[in-house]
Amino acid sequence: MQYSWFIGAFYLLYLALILFGFEDLAFYMKPLLVPSLLLMIPFKSVFSAKYKLFYAVLFSTLGDVFLMFRGTLFFVLGLTSFLTAHLMYMMIFKSVRNPIKFNLMYIFSSLIIAVYFCTFLSFLWPHLGPMKAPVFIYAAILSIMLWFAIHSNAPHPFSRFIIILGALSFVISDSMLSTRLFYGTFENAHFFIMSSYLVAQFLLVFGIVKSRISK
């Protein structure tokens, strides 16, 4: 896709600004990061998932903007926006999901996701305070999105692999973000959180468009 290199360079510039301490410049670039992915969506072609993908990008952008500000209200609005974006991704993956077969892959992936969900929530739970319910709901939706990504039936194996990597990167990014917000920060937290987040969004959009999921 012709704009993927431009988007990649744009993301690298943003991450370099964070890494080298130009946080003020990076702050003003942030609302433009995810919308740049719209350049990869073929709106004029026969690709019916493009509207769901557009809304996934839109709500992710809203989530980014809300989380630029401090306060419980902005956090909940950001969480709700990203939850809606995950629902859009789930709808895309669900449209091409294989019929459920209780094979080894199904059992293994479901078990791993469930174990991580329970373990990570148990780790954060004492630190969540009044945010227990919103974080629980969001984490559940994120886990289900990952499950649908793993069990999607994208036409091309490479596209499916890219989609799964994108969903995994989202889980990693949100896990680090939750740790920083509710437990404690760590060295270069902002850089690592945004790196994995941008990789996630890029791979999800790239993989979906590349596979031409059309249902």
Protein backbone atom coordinates (compact mmCIF):
# COMPACT_ATOMS: atom_id res chain seq x y z
CA MET A 1 0.00 0.00 0.00
CA GLN A 2 1.47 3.24 -1.21
CA TYR A 3 1.08 5.28 1.99
CA SER A 4 2.35 2.67 4.44
CA TRP A 5 5.95 3.90 4.25
CA PHE A 6 4.86 7.49 4.84
CA ILE A 7 2.80 6.45 7.87
CA GLY A 8 5.70 4.39 9.20
CA ALA A 9 8.07 7.35 8.85
CA PHE A 10 5.53 9.62 10.56
CA TYR A 11 5.29 7.20 13.48
CA LEU A 12 9.08 6.91 13.76
CA LEU A 13 9.36 10.70 13.89
CA TYR A 14 6.80 10.82 16.71
CA LEU A 15 8.57 8.09 18.67
CA ALA A 16 11.93 9.81 18.18
CA LEU A 17 10.47 13.00 19.65
CA ILE A 18 9.37 11.06 22.74
CA LEU A 19 12.66 9.21 23.07
CA PHE A 20 14.78 12.36 22.85
CA GLY A 21 12.64 14.42 25.21
CA PHE A 22 10.60 16.58 22.83
CA GLU A 23 7.35 15.69 24.59
CA ASP A 24 5.68 19.03 23.82
CA LEU A 25 6.00 18.54 20.06
CA ALA A 26 4.91 14.91 20.37
CA PHE A 27 1.81 16.02 22.31
CA TYR A 28 0.53 18.07 19.36
CA MET A 29 1.30 15.29 16.88
CA LYS A 30 -0.65 12.64 18.78
CA PRO A 31 -4.15 13.44 17.41
CA LEU A 32 -2.81 12.96 13.87
CA LEU A 33 -1.22 9.55 14.37
CA VAL A 34 -4.15 7.15 14.02
CA PRO A 35 -6.09 9.25 11.45
CA SER A 36 -3.11 8.89 9.10
CA LEU A 37 -4.10 5.21 8.79
CA LEU A 38 -7.14 6.34 6.79
CA LEU A 39 -4.73 6.80 3.88
CA MET A 40 -4.47 3.00 3.66
CA ILE A 41 -8.21 2.31 3.52
CA PRO A 42 -9.47 1.84 -0.07
CA PHE A 43 -12.74 3.77 0.23
CA LYS A 44 -13.38 3.64 -3.53
CA SER A 45 -12.97 -0.11 -3.91
CA VAL A 46 -15.32 -3.00 -3.14
CA PHE A 47 -14.40 -3.47 0.49
CA SER A 48 -17.42 -3.43 2.77
CA ALA A 49 -15.35 -3.64 5.97
CA LYS A 50 -14.00 -0.17 5.20
CA TYR A 51 -16.80 1.54 7.15
CA LYS A 52 -16.25 -0.55 10.28
CA LEU A 53 -12.53 0.09 9.89
CA PHE A 54 -13.19 3.81 9.53
CA TYR A 55 -15.14 3.83 12.80
CA ALA A 56 -12.40 1.81 14.52
CA VAL A 57 -9.92 4.50 13.47
CA LEU A 58 -12.33 7.29 14.44
CA PHE A 59 -13.01 6.00 17.95
CA SER A 60 -9.33 5.21 18.48
CA THR A 61 -8.55 8.82 17.61
CA LEU A 62 -11.17 10.04 20.07
CA GLY A 63 -9.62 7.77 22.70
CA ASP A 64 -6.19 9.25 22.04
CA VAL A 65 -7.52 12.79 22.35
CA PHE A 66 -9.44 12.11 25.58
CA LEU A 67 -6.42 10.45 27.19
CA MET A 68 -4.31 13.53 26.46
CA PHE A 69 -6.10 15.19 29.37
CA ARG A 70 -6.09 14.30 33.05
CA GLY A 71 -9.08 13.43 35.16
CA THR A 72 -11.47 10.55 35.73
CA LEU A 73 -14.00 11.84 33.18
CA PHE A 74 -11.44 11.97 30.37
CA PHE A 75 -10.13 8.53 31.34
CA VAL A 76 -13.61 6.99 31.19
CA LEU A 77 -14.34 8.73 27.87
CA GLY A 78 -11.05 7.47 26.48
CA LEU A 79 -11.73 3.96 27.74
CA THR A 80 -15.22 4.00 26.19
CA SER A 81 -13.86 5.23 22.87
CA PHE A 82 -11.26 2.46 22.69
CA LEU A 83 -13.83 -0.10 23.79
CA THR A 84 -16.00 0.96 20.83
CA ALA A 85 -13.00 0.71 18.51
CA HIS A 86 -12.38 -2.85 19.72
CA LEU A 87 -16.02 -3.69 19.06
CA MET A 88 -15.56 -2.48 15.47
CA TYR A 89 -12.51 -4.71 15.05
CA MET A 90 -14.42 -7.61 16.58
CA MET A 91 -17.25 -7.14 14.09
CA ILE A 92 -14.75 -7.29 11.23
CA PHE A 93 -13.09 -10.44 12.56
CA LYS A 94 -16.41 -12.08 13.44
CA SER A 95 -17.61 -11.72 9.85
CA VAL A 96 -14.86 -14.09 8.68
CA ARG A 97 -14.48 -16.27 11.75
CA ASN A 98 -14.18 -20.00 11.20
CA PRO A 99 -17.00 -22.17 12.57
CA ILE A 100 -16.17 -23.02 16.17
CA LYS A 101 -14.25 -26.28 16.42
CA PHE A 102 -13.16 -27.49 19.82
CA ASN A 103 -9.69 -28.45 18.64
CA LEU A 104 -6.33 -28.00 20.33
CA MET A 105 -5.82 -24.49 18.90
CA TYR A 106 -9.23 -23.36 20.17
CA ILE A 107 -8.65 -24.73 23.66
CA PHE A 108 -5.05 -23.50 23.90
CA SER A 109 -5.73 -19.94 22.71
CA SER A 110 -8.83 -19.60 24.89
CA LEU A 111 -6.94 -20.89 27.93
CA ILE A 112 -3.94 -18.59 27.41
CA ILE A 113 -6.15 -15.51 26.97
CA ALA A 114 -8.28 -16.41 30.01
CA VAL A 115 -5.21 -17.03 32.19
CA TYR A 116 -3.61 -13.74 31.19
CA PHE A 117 -6.88 -11.86 31.70
CA CYS A 118 -7.34 -13.25 35.21
CA THR A 119 -3.67 -12.95 36.20
CA PHE A 120 -3.23 -9.37 35.04
CA LEU A 121 -6.52 -8.21 36.55
CA SER A 122 -5.61 -9.89 39.84
CA PHE A 123 -2.33 -7.96 39.78
CA LEU A 124 -4.05 -4.62 39.14
CA TRP A 125 -7.23 -5.16 41.17
CA PRO A 126 -6.01 -3.81 44.55
CA HIS A 127 -4.85 -0.61 42.83
CA LEU A 128 -7.91 0.17 40.68
CA GLY A 129 -10.09 1.80 43.31
CA PRO A 130 -13.35 3.12 41.80
CA MET A 131 -12.16 2.15 38.29
CA LYS A 132 -12.61 -1.58 38.89
CA ALA A 133 -15.79 -1.97 36.81
CA PRO A 134 -14.70 0.11 33.76
CA VAL A 135 -11.28 -1.56 33.63
CA PHE A 136 -12.81 -5.04 34.00
CA ILE A 137 -15.25 -4.44 31.13
CA TYR A 138 -12.56 -2.94 28.91
CA ALA A 139 -10.10 -5.77 29.62
CA ALA A 140 -12.80 -8.34 28.83
CA ILE A 141 -13.62 -6.71 25.48
CA LEU A 142 -9.92 -6.42 24.61
CA SER A 143 -9.42 -10.11 25.40
CA ILE A 144 -12.40 -11.08 23.26
CA MET A 145 -11.05 -8.93 20.40
CA LEU A 146 -7.76 -10.84 20.60
CA TRP A 147 -9.66 -14.14 20.56
CA PHE A 148 -11.60 -13.13 17.45
CA ALA A 149 -8.37 -11.98 15.76
CA ILE A 150 -6.74 -15.36 16.41
CA HIS A 151 -9.77 -17.22 15.07
CA SER A 152 -10.50 -15.00 12.09
CA ASN A 153 -10.27 -16.63 8.70
CA ALA A 154 -8.51 -13.94 6.68
CA PRO A 155 -8.03 -15.13 3.07
CA HIS A 156 -4.24 -14.85 3.17
CA PRO A 157 -2.11 -16.49 5.91
CA PHE A 158 0.25 -13.48 5.97
CA SER A 159 -2.66 -11.10 6.56
CA ARG A 160 -3.99 -13.27 9.36
CA PHE A 161 -0.54 -13.35 10.97
CA ILE A 162 -0.31 -9.54 10.75
CA ILE A 163 -3.78 -9.16 12.30
CA ILE A 164 -2.90 -11.46 15.21
CA LEU A 165 0.35 -9.56 15.82
CA GLY A 166 -1.63 -6.31 15.82
CA ALA A 167 -4.12 -7.60 18.37
CA LEU A 168 -1.32 -8.95 20.57
CA SER A 169 0.47 -5.60 20.38
CA PHE A 170 -2.73 -3.89 21.54
CA VAL A 171 -2.89 -6.15 24.59
CA ILE A 172 0.78 -5.45 25.36
CA SER A 173 0.32 -1.70 24.97
CA ASP A 174 -2.78 -1.54 27.15
CA SER A 175 -1.17 -3.77 29.77
CA MET A 176 1.79 -1.40 30.04
CA LEU A 177 -0.51 1.63 30.09
CA SER A 178 -2.63 0.12 32.88
CA THR A 179 0.49 -0.71 34.86
CA ARG A 180 1.76 2.86 34.56
CA LEU A 181 -1.60 4.40 35.47
CA PHE A 182 -2.59 2.20 38.39
CA TYR A 183 0.57 0.55 39.72
CA GLY A 184 3.60 2.68 38.93
CA THR A 185 5.61 4.01 36.06
CA PHE A 186 8.76 2.46 34.60
CA GLU A 187 11.70 3.73 32.57
CA ASN A 188 10.74 5.01 29.10
CA ALA A 189 7.14 3.99 29.77
CA HIS A 190 5.64 6.50 27.35
CA PHE A 191 7.95 5.38 24.54
CA PHE A 192 7.23 1.68 24.97
CA ILE A 193 3.48 2.19 25.39
CA MET A 194 3.19 4.32 22.27
CA SER A 195 5.54 2.09 20.26
CA SER A 196 3.42 -1.00 20.88
CA TYR A 197 0.20 0.97 20.41
CA LEU A 198 1.21 2.37 17.02
CA VAL A 199 2.46 -1.04 15.91
CA ALA A 200 -0.92 -2.47 16.94
CA GLN A 201 -3.02 0.06 15.05
CA PHE A 202 -0.81 -0.07 11.97
CA LEU A 203 -0.78 -3.88 11.79
CA LEU A 204 -4.53 -4.21 12.37
CA VAL A 205 -5.42 -1.73 9.62
CA PHE A 206 -2.72 -3.02 7.28
CA GLY A 207 -3.70 -6.66 7.84
CA ILE A 208 -7.43 -6.06 7.38
CA VAL A 209 -6.95 -4.01 4.21
CA LYS A 210 -4.38 -6.46 2.85
CA SER A 211 -6.75 -9.38 3.38
CA ARG A 212 -9.65 -7.47 1.77
CA ILE A 213 -12.07 -8.80 4.38
CA SER A 214 -15.33 -8.08 2.61
CA LYS A 215 -18.19 -9.46 4.67
